[in-house]
Amino acid sequence: METDSATTTCRYCGKELPKEAIFCYYCKRELITRPERPEADTQPGKINWLLIGGIGFVVIVALALIFFL
């Protein structure tokens, strides 16, 4: 089967599609590849300041209770 420059072939089912197609109309599979999403907290050394602040607050309250009661 010959394809002209205005069409492409689906790599999954082999059907002929328009060149600008982003999914196959026949097998419903995506023809373009998208990059993977990065994980939310994959950066090493990233500090969660809210967690540190919460722990600090608990420590201050605990010390206040120990010394003033």
N, C-alpha and C. Protein backbone atom coordinates (compact mmCIF):
# COMPACT_ATOMS: atom_id res chain seq x y z
N MET A 1 0.84 -1.16 0.00
CA MET A 1 0.00 0.00 0.00
C MET A 1 0.89 1.24 0.00
N GLU A 2 0.70 2.12 -0.92
CA GLU A 2 1.48 3.34 -1.00
C GLU A 2 0.78 4.46 -0.24
N THR A 3 1.57 5.27 0.45
CA THR A 3 1.01 6.42 1.13
C THR A 3 1.59 7.68 0.52
N ASP A 4 0.75 8.71 0.35
CA ASP A 4 1.27 9.96 -0.17
C ASP A 4 1.71 10.85 1.00
N SER A 5 2.19 12.06 0.71
CA SER A 5 2.74 12.93 1.74
C SER A 5 1.67 13.49 2.68
N ALA A 6 0.39 13.41 2.33
CA ALA A 6 -0.67 13.95 3.17
C ALA A 6 -1.22 12.92 4.15
N THR A 7 -0.74 11.69 4.08
CA THR A 7 -1.22 10.65 4.98
C THR A 7 -0.06 9.96 5.67
N THR A 8 -0.40 9.28 6.75
CA THR A 8 0.56 8.46 7.48
C THR A 8 -0.13 7.15 7.85
N THR A 9 0.62 6.20 8.32
CA THR A 9 0.06 4.91 8.68
C THR A 9 0.11 4.74 10.19
N CYS A 10 -0.96 4.23 10.77
CA CYS A 10 -1.00 3.94 12.21
C CYS A 10 -0.01 2.83 12.51
N ARG A 11 0.85 3.05 13.49
CA ARG A 11 1.87 2.03 13.82
C ARG A 11 1.28 0.85 14.58
N TYR A 12 0.02 0.96 15.01
CA TYR A 12 -0.61 -0.12 15.77
C TYR A 12 -1.49 -1.01 14.90
N CYS A 13 -2.35 -0.39 14.07
CA CYS A 13 -3.28 -1.20 13.28
C CYS A 13 -2.98 -1.15 11.78
N GLY A 14 -2.13 -0.23 11.34
CA GLY A 14 -1.74 -0.18 9.95
C GLY A 14 -2.69 0.57 9.03
N LYS A 15 -3.71 1.18 9.55
CA LYS A 15 -4.66 1.93 8.72
C LYS A 15 -4.05 3.27 8.31
N GLU A 16 -4.51 3.77 7.17
CA GLU A 16 -4.03 5.03 6.64
C GLU A 16 -4.80 6.19 7.28
N LEU A 17 -4.06 7.21 7.73
CA LEU A 17 -4.64 8.34 8.45
C LEU A 17 -4.08 9.65 7.90
N PRO A 18 -4.77 10.77 8.13
CA PRO A 18 -4.19 12.07 7.76
C PRO A 18 -2.91 12.33 8.55
N LYS A 19 -2.00 13.06 7.95
CA LYS A 19 -0.69 13.33 8.57
C LYS A 19 -0.83 14.05 9.92
N GLU A 20 -1.84 14.93 10.07
CA GLU A 20 -1.99 15.71 11.29
C GLU A 20 -2.77 14.98 12.39
N ALA A 21 -3.14 13.73 12.19
CA ALA A 21 -3.91 12.98 13.19
C ALA A 21 -3.05 12.75 14.44
N ILE A 22 -3.67 12.94 15.61
CA ILE A 22 -2.97 12.69 16.87
C ILE A 22 -3.42 11.39 17.53
N PHE A 23 -4.52 10.81 17.03
CA PHE A 23 -4.94 9.49 17.48
C PHE A 23 -5.53 8.75 16.28
N CYS A 24 -5.53 7.44 16.34
CA CYS A 24 -6.04 6.63 15.25
C CYS A 24 -7.57 6.54 15.36
N TYR A 25 -8.25 6.83 14.26
CA TYR A 25 -9.71 6.80 14.24
C TYR A 25 -10.25 5.37 14.31
N TYR A 26 -9.43 4.41 13.98
CA TYR A 26 -9.86 3.02 13.91
C TYR A 26 -9.60 2.27 15.22
N CYS A 27 -8.37 2.31 15.70
CA CYS A 27 -8.05 1.56 16.91
C CYS A 27 -8.04 2.44 18.16
N LYS A 28 -8.26 3.74 18.00
CA LYS A 28 -8.38 4.71 19.10
C LYS A 28 -7.11 4.85 19.94
N ARG A 29 -5.95 4.54 19.38
CA ARG A 29 -4.70 4.67 20.12
C ARG A 29 -4.04 6.00 19.80
N GLU A 30 -3.31 6.53 20.76
CA GLU A 30 -2.63 7.80 20.59
C GLU A 30 -1.40 7.63 19.71
N LEU A 31 -1.23 8.52 18.75
CA LEU A 31 -0.13 8.41 17.81
C LEU A 31 1.08 9.25 18.21
N ILE A 32 0.87 10.27 19.02
CA ILE A 32 1.99 11.10 19.46
C ILE A 32 2.44 10.61 20.82
N THR A 33 3.71 10.78 21.10
CA THR A 33 4.22 10.39 22.42
C THR A 33 4.41 11.65 23.24
N ARG A 34 3.90 11.62 24.45
CA ARG A 34 4.03 12.75 25.35
C ARG A 34 5.12 12.45 26.37
N PRO A 35 5.82 13.47 26.83
CA PRO A 35 6.86 13.21 27.85
C PRO A 35 6.22 12.80 29.17
N GLU A 36 6.95 12.03 29.93
CA GLU A 36 6.47 11.59 31.23
C GLU A 36 6.38 12.78 32.17
N ARG A 37 5.39 12.76 33.06
CA ARG A 37 5.28 13.81 34.06
C ARG A 37 6.29 13.56 35.16
N PRO A 38 6.96 14.60 35.60
CA PRO A 38 7.89 14.40 36.72
C PRO A 38 7.11 14.20 38.02
N GLU A 39 7.70 13.49 38.94
CA GLU A 39 7.09 13.29 40.25
C GLU A 39 7.04 14.62 40.98
N ALA A 40 6.11 14.76 41.90
CA ALA A 40 5.91 16.03 42.60
C ALA A 40 7.08 16.37 43.52
N ASP A 41 7.60 15.42 44.27
CA ASP A 41 8.67 15.69 45.22
C ASP A 41 9.90 14.82 44.94
N THR A 42 10.42 14.90 43.73
CA THR A 42 11.58 14.09 43.40
C THR A 42 12.88 14.85 43.52
N GLN A 43 12.82 16.14 43.84
CA GLN A 43 14.04 16.93 43.94
C GLN A 43 14.72 16.66 45.27
N PRO A 44 15.96 16.16 45.24
CA PRO A 44 16.65 15.91 46.50
C PRO A 44 17.01 17.23 47.17
N GLY A 45 16.93 17.25 48.49
CA GLY A 45 17.28 18.45 49.24
C GLY A 45 16.16 19.45 49.37
N LYS A 46 15.01 19.18 48.80
CA LYS A 46 13.88 20.08 48.93
C LYS A 46 13.27 19.91 50.32
N ILE A 47 13.16 21.01 51.05
CA ILE A 47 12.70 20.96 52.43
C ILE A 47 11.25 21.42 52.49
N ASN A 48 10.45 20.69 53.22
CA ASN A 48 9.06 21.07 53.42
C ASN A 48 9.00 21.97 54.65
N TRP A 49 9.00 23.28 54.42
CA TRP A 49 9.07 24.26 55.50
C TRP A 49 7.84 24.23 56.40
N LEU A 50 6.70 23.89 55.85
CA LEU A 50 5.49 23.81 56.67
C LEU A 50 5.61 22.71 57.72
N LEU A 51 6.16 21.58 57.34
CA LEU A 51 6.36 20.48 58.28
C LEU A 51 7.36 20.87 59.37
N ILE A 52 8.44 21.52 58.99
CA ILE A 52 9.45 21.95 59.97
C ILE A 52 8.86 22.98 60.92
N GLY A 53 8.06 23.91 60.39
CA GLY A 53 7.41 24.91 61.24
C GLY A 53 6.45 24.27 62.22
N GLY A 54 5.70 23.28 61.78
CA GLY A 54 4.76 22.58 62.66
C GLY A 54 5.48 21.84 63.77
N ILE A 55 6.56 21.19 63.44
CA ILE A 55 7.34 20.48 64.46
C ILE A 55 7.94 21.48 65.45
N GLY A 56 8.44 22.60 64.95
CA GLY A 56 8.99 23.63 65.82
C GLY A 56 7.95 24.17 66.78
N PHE A 57 6.75 24.39 66.27
CA PHE A 57 5.65 24.89 67.11
C PHE A 57 5.32 23.90 68.22
N VAL A 58 5.26 22.63 67.87
CA VAL A 58 4.96 21.60 68.88
C VAL A 58 6.06 21.55 69.94
N VAL A 59 7.31 21.68 69.54
CA VAL A 59 8.42 21.65 70.49
C VAL A 59 8.35 22.86 71.42
N ILE A 60 8.06 24.04 70.89
CA ILE A 60 7.95 25.25 71.71
C ILE A 60 6.81 25.13 72.71
N VAL A 61 5.67 24.62 72.28
CA VAL A 61 4.53 24.45 73.18
C VAL A 61 4.87 23.43 74.26
N ALA A 62 5.52 22.35 73.90
CA ALA A 62 5.90 21.33 74.88
C ALA A 62 6.87 21.89 75.91
N LEU A 63 7.87 22.67 75.48
CA LEU A 63 8.83 23.26 76.40
C LEU A 63 8.14 24.28 77.32
N ALA A 64 7.22 25.04 76.77
CA ALA A 64 6.48 26.01 77.59
C ALA A 64 5.66 25.29 78.66
N LEU A 65 5.04 24.20 78.32
CA LEU A 65 4.25 23.44 79.28
C LEU A 65 5.13 22.84 80.37
N ILE A 66 6.33 22.38 79.99
CA ILE A 66 7.23 21.76 80.96
C ILE A 66 7.76 22.80 81.94
N PHE A 67 8.17 23.97 81.46
CA PHE A 67 8.79 24.96 82.31
C PHE A 67 7.81 25.83 83.09
N PHE A 68 6.60 26.02 82.58
CA PHE A 68 5.67 26.93 83.25
C PHE A 68 4.58 26.21 84.03
N LEU A 69 4.55 24.93 84.03
CA LEU A 69 3.54 24.21 84.82
C LEU A 69 4.15 23.44 85.93
